[in-house]
PDB file of all heavy atoms in Angstrom:
ATOM      1  N   TYR A   1      21.937   0.546   2.768  1.00  0.00           N
ATOM      2  CA  TYR A   1      20.839   1.466   2.574  1.00  0.00           C
ATOM      3  C   TYR A   1      20.481   2.026   3.930  1.00  0.00           C
ATOM      4  O   TYR A   1      20.466   1.308   4.960  1.00  0.00           O
ATOM      5  CB  TYR A   1      19.587   0.775   1.977  1.00  0.00           C
ATOM      6  CG  TYR A   1      18.614   1.739   1.334  1.00  0.00           C
ATOM      7  CD1 TYR A   1      18.953   2.493   0.248  1.00  0.00           C
ATOM      8  CD2 TYR A   1      17.330   1.856   1.865  1.00  0.00           C
ATOM      9  CE1 TYR A   1      18.044   3.415  -0.345  1.00  0.00           C
ATOM     10  CE2 TYR A   1      16.462   2.745   1.345  1.00  0.00           C
ATOM     11  CZ  TYR A   1      16.840   3.487   0.217  1.00  0.00           C
ATOM     12  OH  TYR A   1      15.899   4.316  -0.302  1.00  0.00           O
ATOM     13  N   GLU A   2      20.217   3.317   4.058  1.00  0.00           N
ATOM     14  CA  GLU A   2      20.055   4.039   5.310  1.00  0.00           C
ATOM     15  C   GLU A   2      18.697   4.215   5.768  1.00  0.00           C
ATOM     16  O   GLU A   2      18.423   4.827   6.818  1.00  0.00           O
ATOM     17  CB  GLU A   2      20.772   5.367   5.214  1.00  0.00           C
ATOM     18  CG  GLU A   2      20.208   6.239   4.163  1.00  0.00           C
ATOM     19  CD  GLU A   2      21.274   7.141   3.537  1.00  0.00           C
ATOM     20  OE1 GLU A   2      22.465   6.845   3.531  1.00  0.00           O
ATOM     21  OE2 GLU A   2      20.881   8.262   3.034  1.00  0.00           O
ATOM     22  N   TYR A   3      17.668   3.619   5.094  1.00  0.00           N
ATOM     23  CA  TYR A   3      16.298   3.733   5.559  1.00  0.00           C
ATOM     24  C   TYR A   3      15.635   2.392   5.682  1.00  0.00           C
ATOM     25  O   TYR A   3      15.934   1.443   4.940  1.00  0.00           O
ATOM     26  CB  TYR A   3      15.537   4.527   4.430  1.00  0.00           C
ATOM     27  CG  TYR A   3      15.947   5.953   4.225  1.00  0.00           C
ATOM     28  CD1 TYR A   3      16.742   6.258   3.149  1.00  0.00           C
ATOM     29  CD2 TYR A   3      15.683   6.915   5.132  1.00  0.00           C
ATOM     30  CE1 TYR A   3      17.228   7.567   2.950  1.00  0.00           C
ATOM     31  CE2 TYR A   3      16.089   8.183   4.956  1.00  0.00           C
ATOM     32  CZ  TYR A   3      16.889   8.532   3.917  1.00  0.00           C
ATOM     33  OH  TYR A   3      17.300   9.752   3.750  1.00  0.00           O
ATOM     34  N   ASP A   4      14.636   2.329   6.558  1.00  0.00           N
ATOM     35  CA  ASP A   4      13.710   1.182   6.705  1.00  0.00           C
ATOM     36  C   ASP A   4      12.615   1.501   5.633  1.00  0.00           C
ATOM     37  O   ASP A   4      12.211   2.662   5.476  1.00  0.00           O
ATOM     38  CB  ASP A   4      13.095   1.015   8.026  1.00  0.00           C
ATOM     39  CG  ASP A   4      14.158   0.485   9.068  1.00  0.00           C
ATOM     40  OD1 ASP A   4      15.104  -0.119   8.582  1.00  0.00           O
ATOM     41  OD2 ASP A   4      13.959   0.832  10.244  1.00  0.00           O
ATOM     42  N   ILE A   5      12.090   0.480   4.965  1.00  0.00           N
ATOM     43  CA  ILE A   5      11.231   0.682   3.854  1.00  0.00           C
ATOM     44  C   ILE A   5       9.896  -0.124   4.151  1.00  0.00           C
ATOM     45  O   ILE A   5       9.989  -1.270   4.511  1.00  0.00           O
ATOM     46  CB  ILE A   5      11.822   0.140   2.565  1.00  0.00           C
ATOM     47  CG1 ILE A   5      13.164   0.879   2.360  1.00  0.00           C
ATOM     48  CG2 ILE A   5      10.848   0.345   1.407  1.00  0.00           C
ATOM     49  CD1 ILE A   5      14.014   0.101   1.288  1.00  0.00           C
ATOM     50  N   MET A   6       8.794   0.383   3.751  1.00  0.00           N
ATOM     51  CA  MET A   6       7.537  -0.392   3.708  1.00  0.00           C
ATOM     52  C   MET A   6       6.760  -0.027   2.380  1.00  0.00           C
ATOM     53  O   MET A   6       6.441   1.186   2.150  1.00  0.00           O
ATOM     54  CB  MET A   6       6.644  -0.063   4.847  1.00  0.00           C
ATOM     55  CG  MET A   6       5.446  -0.919   4.951  1.00  0.00           C
ATOM     56  SD  MET A   6       4.543  -0.946   6.499  1.00  0.00           S
ATOM     57  CE  MET A   6       3.716   0.613   6.382  1.00  0.00           C
ATOM     58  N   LEU A   7       6.512  -0.955   1.587  1.00  0.00           N
ATOM     59  CA  LEU A   7       5.692  -0.752   0.335  1.00  0.00           C
ATOM     60  C   LEU A   7       4.285  -1.290   0.598  1.00  0.00           C
ATOM     61  O   LEU A   7       4.149  -2.445   0.924  1.00  0.00           O
ATOM     62  CB  LEU A   7       6.413  -1.542  -0.819  1.00  0.00           C
ATOM     63  CG  LEU A   7       7.619  -0.876  -1.413  1.00  0.00           C
ATOM     64  CD1 LEU A   7       8.394  -1.966  -2.220  1.00  0.00           C
ATOM     65  CD2 LEU A   7       7.234   0.272  -2.281  1.00  0.00           C
ATOM     66  N   THR A   8       3.312  -0.470   0.360  1.00  0.00           N
ATOM     67  CA  THR A   8       1.990  -0.907   0.409  1.00  0.00           C
ATOM     68  C   THR A   8       1.365  -0.869  -0.959  1.00  0.00           C
ATOM     69  O   THR A   8       1.351   0.215  -1.615  1.00  0.00           O
ATOM     70  CB  THR A   8       1.138   0.086   1.328  1.00  0.00           C
ATOM     71  OG1 THR A   8       1.813   0.098   2.571  1.00  0.00           O
ATOM     72  CG2 THR A   8      -0.341  -0.377   1.498  1.00  0.00           C
ATOM     73  N   VAL A   9       0.871  -2.028  -1.483  1.00  0.00           N
ATOM     74  CA  VAL A   9       0.423  -2.150  -2.839  1.00  0.00           C
ATOM     75  C   VAL A   9      -1.077  -1.845  -2.915  1.00  0.00           C
ATOM     76  O   VAL A   9      -1.832  -2.342  -2.066  1.00  0.00           O
ATOM     77  CB  VAL A   9       0.812  -3.507  -3.397  1.00  0.00           C
ATOM     78  CG1 VAL A   9       0.201  -3.697  -4.818  1.00  0.00           C
ATOM     79  CG2 VAL A   9       2.250  -3.766  -3.320  1.00  0.00           C
ATOM     80  N   PHE A  10      -1.455  -1.063  -3.964  1.00  0.00           N
ATOM     81  CA  PHE A  10      -2.841  -0.690  -4.130  1.00  0.00           C
ATOM     82  C   PHE A  10      -3.468  -1.357  -5.461  1.00  0.00           C
ATOM     83  O   PHE A  10      -4.661  -1.369  -5.636  1.00  0.00           O
ATOM     84  CB  PHE A  10      -3.107   0.795  -4.204  1.00  0.00           C
ATOM     85  CG  PHE A  10      -2.598   1.568  -3.021  1.00  0.00           C
ATOM     86  CD1 PHE A  10      -1.664   2.488  -3.180  1.00  0.00           C
ATOM     87  CD2 PHE A  10      -3.044   1.237  -1.813  1.00  0.00           C
ATOM     88  CE1 PHE A  10      -1.216   3.261  -2.114  1.00  0.00           C
ATOM     89  CE2 PHE A  10      -2.620   1.869  -0.658  1.00  0.00           C
ATOM     90  CZ  PHE A  10      -1.642   2.944  -0.819  1.00  0.00           C
ATOM     91  N   ASP A  11      -2.649  -1.818  -6.326  1.00  0.00           N
ATOM     92  CA  ASP A  11      -3.076  -2.191  -7.680  1.00  0.00           C
ATOM     93  C   ASP A  11      -2.751  -3.650  -7.891  1.00  0.00           C
ATOM     94  O   ASP A  11      -1.658  -4.079  -7.927  1.00  0.00           O
ATOM     95  CB  ASP A  11      -2.460  -1.355  -8.764  1.00  0.00           C
ATOM     96  CG  ASP A  11      -2.969  -1.601 -10.132  1.00  0.00           C
ATOM     97  OD1 ASP A  11      -3.957  -2.349 -10.302  1.00  0.00           O
ATOM     98  OD2 ASP A  11      -2.332  -1.041 -11.133  1.00  0.00           O
ATOM     99  N   GLU A  12      -3.809  -4.425  -8.145  1.00  0.00           N
ATOM    100  CA  GLU A  12      -3.673  -5.917  -8.404  1.00  0.00           C
ATOM    101  C   GLU A  12      -2.914  -6.054  -9.691  1.00  0.00           C
ATOM    102  O   GLU A  12      -2.213  -7.111  -9.865  1.00  0.00           O
ATOM    103  CB  GLU A  12      -4.988  -6.510  -8.476  1.00  0.00           C
ATOM    104  CG  GLU A  12      -5.081  -8.057  -8.744  1.00  0.00           C
ATOM    105  CD  GLU A  12      -6.461  -8.597  -8.866  1.00  0.00           C
ATOM    106  OE1 GLU A  12      -7.437  -7.845  -8.700  1.00  0.00           O
ATOM    107  OE2 GLU A  12      -6.518  -9.833  -8.947  1.00  0.00           O
ATOM    108  N   GLY A  13      -2.935  -5.180 -10.568  1.00  0.00           N
ATOM    109  CA  GLY A  13      -2.245  -5.247 -11.860  1.00  0.00           C
ATOM    110  C   GLY A  13      -0.758  -5.462 -11.792  1.00  0.00           C
ATOM    111  O   GLY A  13      -0.117  -5.845 -12.745  1.00  0.00           O
ATOM    112  N   LEU A  14      -0.110  -5.101 -10.609  1.00  0.00           N
ATOM    113  CA  LEU A  14       1.330  -5.333 -10.510  1.00  0.00           C
ATOM    114  C   LEU A  14       1.704  -6.727 -10.701  1.00  0.00           C
ATOM    115  O   LEU A  14       2.949  -7.105 -10.935  1.00  0.00           O
ATOM    116  CB  LEU A  14       1.780  -4.760  -9.159  1.00  0.00           C
ATOM    117  CG  LEU A  14       1.944  -3.301  -9.049  1.00  0.00           C
ATOM    118  CD1 LEU A  14       2.506  -2.920  -7.677  1.00  0.00           C
ATOM    119  CD2 LEU A  14       2.844  -2.715 -10.100  1.00  0.00           C
ATOM    120  N   SER A  15       0.872  -7.684 -10.473  1.00  0.00           N
ATOM    121  CA  SER A  15       1.155  -9.058 -10.708  1.00  0.00           C
ATOM    122  C   SER A  15       1.502  -9.509 -12.116  1.00  0.00           C
ATOM    123  O   SER A  15       2.264 -10.383 -12.398  1.00  0.00           O
ATOM    124  CB  SER A  15       0.097 -10.007 -10.134  1.00  0.00           C
ATOM    125  OG  SER A  15      -1.014  -9.929 -10.918  1.00  0.00           O
ATOM    126  N   GLY A  16       0.878  -8.681 -13.043  1.00  0.00           N
ATOM    127  CA  GLY A  16       1.016  -9.043 -14.501  1.00  0.00           C
ATOM    128  C   GLY A  16       1.814  -7.950 -15.287  1.00  0.00           C
ATOM    129  O   GLY A  16       1.996  -8.067 -16.468  1.00  0.00           O
ATOM    130  N   VAL A  17       2.264  -6.869 -14.575  1.00  0.00           N
ATOM    131  CA  VAL A  17       3.000  -5.820 -15.337  1.00  0.00           C
ATOM    132  C   VAL A  17       4.328  -6.378 -15.790  1.00  0.00           C
ATOM    133  O   VAL A  17       4.958  -7.145 -15.049  1.00  0.00           O
ATOM    134  CB  VAL A  17       3.198  -4.623 -14.299  1.00  0.00           C
ATOM    135  CG1 VAL A  17       4.167  -3.595 -14.907  1.00  0.00           C
ATOM    136  CG2 VAL A  17       1.894  -3.972 -13.999  1.00  0.00           C
ATOM    137  N   PRO A  18       4.688  -5.996 -17.059  1.00  0.00           N
ATOM    138  CA  PRO A  18       6.074  -6.421 -17.470  1.00  0.00           C
ATOM    139  C   PRO A  18       7.162  -5.973 -16.488  1.00  0.00           C
ATOM    140  O   PRO A  18       7.079  -4.907 -15.810  1.00  0.00           O
ATOM    141  CB  PRO A  18       6.221  -5.672 -18.777  1.00  0.00           C
ATOM    142  CG  PRO A  18       4.847  -5.392 -19.209  1.00  0.00           C
ATOM    143  CD  PRO A  18       4.067  -5.188 -18.003  1.00  0.00           C
ATOM    144  N   SER A  19       8.248  -6.803 -16.333  1.00  0.00           N
ATOM    145  CA  SER A  19       9.253  -6.526 -15.446  1.00  0.00           C
ATOM    146  C   SER A  19       9.929  -5.202 -15.630  1.00  0.00           C
ATOM    147  O   SER A  19      10.279  -4.539 -14.629  1.00  0.00           O
ATOM    148  CB  SER A  19      10.297  -7.667 -15.560  1.00  0.00           C
ATOM    149  OG  SER A  19      11.327  -7.469 -14.739  1.00  0.00           O
ATOM    150  N   GLU A  20      10.122  -4.808 -16.780  1.00  0.00           N
ATOM    151  CA  GLU A  20      10.778  -3.466 -17.073  1.00  0.00           C
ATOM    152  C   GLU A  20       9.936  -2.340 -16.574  1.00  0.00           C
ATOM    153  O   GLU A  20      10.474  -1.383 -16.050  1.00  0.00           O
ATOM    154  CB  GLU A  20      11.027  -3.290 -18.594  1.00  0.00           C
ATOM    155  CG  GLU A  20      11.920  -4.291 -19.244  1.00  0.00           C
ATOM    156  CD  GLU A  20      11.269  -5.626 -19.581  1.00  0.00           C
ATOM    157  OE1 GLU A  20      10.032  -5.679 -19.711  1.00  0.00           O
ATOM    158  OE2 GLU A  20      12.015  -6.676 -19.599  1.00  0.00           O
ATOM    159  N   THR A  21       8.706  -2.396 -16.746  1.00  0.00           N
ATOM    160  CA  THR A  21       7.774  -1.345 -16.216  1.00  0.00           C
ATOM    161  C   THR A  21       7.754  -1.289 -14.727  1.00  0.00           C
ATOM    162  O   THR A  21       7.908  -0.180 -14.109  1.00  0.00           O
ATOM    163  CB  THR A  21       6.323  -1.625 -16.777  1.00  0.00           C
ATOM    164  OG1 THR A  21       6.353  -1.750 -18.153  1.00  0.00           O
ATOM    165  CG2 THR A  21       5.383  -0.407 -16.366  1.00  0.00           C
ATOM    166  N   LEU A  22       7.713  -2.477 -14.115  1.00  0.00           N
ATOM    167  CA  LEU A  22       7.758  -2.452 -12.626  1.00  0.00           C
ATOM    168  C   LEU A  22       9.106  -1.906 -12.131  1.00  0.00           C
ATOM    169  O   LEU A  22       9.145  -1.132 -11.178  1.00  0.00           O
ATOM    170  CB  LEU A  22       7.603  -3.941 -12.165  1.00  0.00           C
ATOM    171  CG  LEU A  22       7.507  -4.084 -10.668  1.00  0.00           C
ATOM    172  CD1 LEU A  22       6.394  -3.321  -9.954  1.00  0.00           C
ATOM    173  CD2 LEU A  22       7.485  -5.625 -10.316  1.00  0.00           C
ATOM    174  N   GLN A  23      10.208  -2.327 -12.760  1.00  0.00           N
ATOM    175  CA  GLN A  23      11.466  -1.813 -12.313  1.00  0.00           C
ATOM    176  C   GLN A  23      11.564  -0.318 -12.484  1.00  0.00           C
ATOM    177  O   GLN A  23      12.108   0.416 -11.667  1.00  0.00           O
ATOM    178  CB  GLN A  23      12.586  -2.437 -13.176  1.00  0.00           C
ATOM    179  CG  GLN A  23      12.858  -3.920 -12.826  1.00  0.00           C
ATOM    180  CD  GLN A  23      13.899  -4.527 -13.596  1.00  0.00           C
ATOM    181  OE1 GLN A  23      14.647  -3.832 -14.319  1.00  0.00           O
ATOM    182  NE2 GLN A  23      14.020  -5.828 -13.578  1.00  0.00           N
ATOM    183  N   LYS A  24      11.072   0.220 -13.570  1.00  0.00           N
ATOM    184  CA  LYS A  24      11.040   1.694 -13.766  1.00  0.00           C
ATOM    185  C   LYS A  24      10.247   2.476 -12.705  1.00  0.00           C
ATOM    186  O   LYS A  24      10.765   3.465 -12.118  1.00  0.00           O
ATOM    187  CB  LYS A  24      10.482   2.031 -15.191  1.00  0.00           C
ATOM    188  CG  LYS A  24      10.500   3.454 -15.505  1.00  0.00           C
ATOM    189  CD  LYS A  24       9.877   3.729 -16.878  1.00  0.00           C
ATOM    190  CE  LYS A  24       9.838   5.191 -17.138  1.00  0.00           C
ATOM    191  NZ  LYS A  24       8.965   5.440 -18.318  1.00  0.00           N
ATOM    192  N   GLN A  25       9.076   1.905 -12.389  1.00  0.00           N
ATOM    193  CA  GLN A  25       8.225   2.500 -11.350  1.00  0.00           C
ATOM    194  C   GLN A  25       8.928   2.538  -9.974  1.00  0.00           C
ATOM    195  O   GLN A  25       8.917   3.573  -9.266  1.00  0.00           O
ATOM    196  CB  GLN A  25       6.881   1.829 -11.249  1.00  0.00           C
ATOM    197  CG  GLN A  25       5.991   1.919 -12.409  1.00  0.00           C
ATOM    198  CD  GLN A  25       4.805   1.133 -12.337  1.00  0.00           C
ATOM    199  OE1 GLN A  25       4.726   0.113 -11.516  1.00  0.00           O
ATOM    200  NE2 GLN A  25       3.776   1.359 -13.134  1.00  0.00           N
ATOM    201  N   LEU A  26       9.527   1.414  -9.587  1.00  0.00           N
ATOM    202  CA  LEU A  26      10.281   1.359  -8.390  1.00  0.00           C
ATOM    203  C   LEU A  26      11.493   2.271  -8.285  1.00  0.00           C
ATOM    204  O   LEU A  26      11.734   2.879  -7.297  1.00  0.00           O
ATOM    205  CB  LEU A  26      10.653  -0.145  -7.981  1.00  0.00           C
ATOM    206  CG  LEU A  26       9.466  -1.064  -7.737  1.00  0.00           C
ATOM    207  CD1 LEU A  26       9.862  -2.457  -7.753  1.00  0.00           C
ATOM    208  CD2 LEU A  26       8.881  -0.653  -6.385  1.00  0.00           C
ATOM    209  N   LYS A  27      12.256   2.316  -9.419  1.00  0.00           N
ATOM    210  CA  LYS A  27      13.423   3.184  -9.412  1.00  0.00           C
ATOM    211  C   LYS A  27      13.045   4.615  -9.263  1.00  0.00           C
ATOM    212  O   LYS A  27      13.662   5.413  -8.541  1.00  0.00           O
ATOM    213  CB  LYS A  27      14.166   3.000 -10.759  1.00  0.00           C
ATOM    214  CG  LYS A  27      15.075   1.783 -10.799  1.00  0.00           C
ATOM    215  CD  LYS A  27      15.821   1.708 -12.102  1.00  0.00           C
ATOM    216  CE  LYS A  27      16.559   0.372 -12.124  1.00  0.00           C
ATOM    217  NZ  LYS A  27      17.335   0.271 -13.379  1.00  0.00           N
ATOM    218  N   GLU A  28      11.961   5.030  -9.885  1.00  0.00           N
ATOM    219  CA  GLU A  28      11.454   6.392  -9.833  1.00  0.00           C
ATOM    220  C   GLU A  28      11.024   6.718  -8.379  1.00  0.00           C
ATOM    221  O   GLU A  28      11.306   7.775  -7.845  1.00  0.00           O
ATOM    222  CB  GLU A  28      10.289   6.622 -10.781  1.00  0.00           C
ATOM    223  CG  GLU A  28      10.759   6.712 -12.239  1.00  0.00           C
ATOM    224  CD  GLU A  28       9.508   6.805 -13.169  1.00  0.00           C
ATOM    225  OE1 GLU A  28       8.409   6.792 -12.749  1.00  0.00           O
ATOM    226  OE2 GLU A  28       9.801   6.859 -14.373  1.00  0.00           O
ATOM    227  N   ALA A  29      10.312   5.779  -7.763  1.00  0.00           N
ATOM    228  CA  ALA A  29       9.944   6.032  -6.357  1.00  0.00           C
ATOM    229  C   ALA A  29      11.133   6.102  -5.418  1.00  0.00           C
ATOM    230  O   ALA A  29      11.173   6.969  -4.583  1.00  0.00           O
ATOM    231  CB  ALA A  29       8.929   4.922  -5.917  1.00  0.00           C
ATOM    232  N   PHE A  30      12.088   5.209  -5.560  1.00  0.00           N
ATOM    233  CA  PHE A  30      13.238   5.197  -4.612  1.00  0.00           C
ATOM    234  C   PHE A  30      14.086   6.437  -4.870  1.00  0.00           C
ATOM    235  O   PHE A  30      14.804   6.884  -4.040  1.00  0.00           O
ATOM    236  CB  PHE A  30      14.008   3.865  -4.813  1.00  0.00           C
ATOM    237  CG  PHE A  30      13.527   2.785  -3.929  1.00  0.00           C
ATOM    238  CD1 PHE A  30      12.362   2.044  -4.266  1.00  0.00           C
ATOM    239  CD2 PHE A  30      14.091   2.560  -2.692  1.00  0.00           C
ATOM    240  CE1 PHE A  30      11.883   1.067  -3.459  1.00  0.00           C
ATOM    241  CE2 PHE A  30      13.671   1.550  -1.868  1.00  0.00           C
ATOM    242  CZ  PHE A  30      12.607   0.800  -2.173  1.00  0.00           C
ATOM    243  N   ALA A  31      14.088   6.911  -6.127  1.00  0.00           N
ATOM    244  CA  ALA A  31      14.922   8.113  -6.433  1.00  0.00           C
ATOM    245  C   ALA A  31      14.321   9.401  -5.708  1.00  0.00           C
ATOM    246  O   ALA A  31      15.066  10.386  -5.442  1.00  0.00           O
ATOM    247  CB  ALA A  31      14.920   8.423  -7.960  1.00  0.00           C
TER     248      ALA A  31
END
């Protein structure tokens, strides 16, 4: 991968979000 990355989390709800939803959100952001 050609970039350095920093993720800053704003929502406590990410701890309980279903795995599929979290993966979808991350894929969309990285796209």
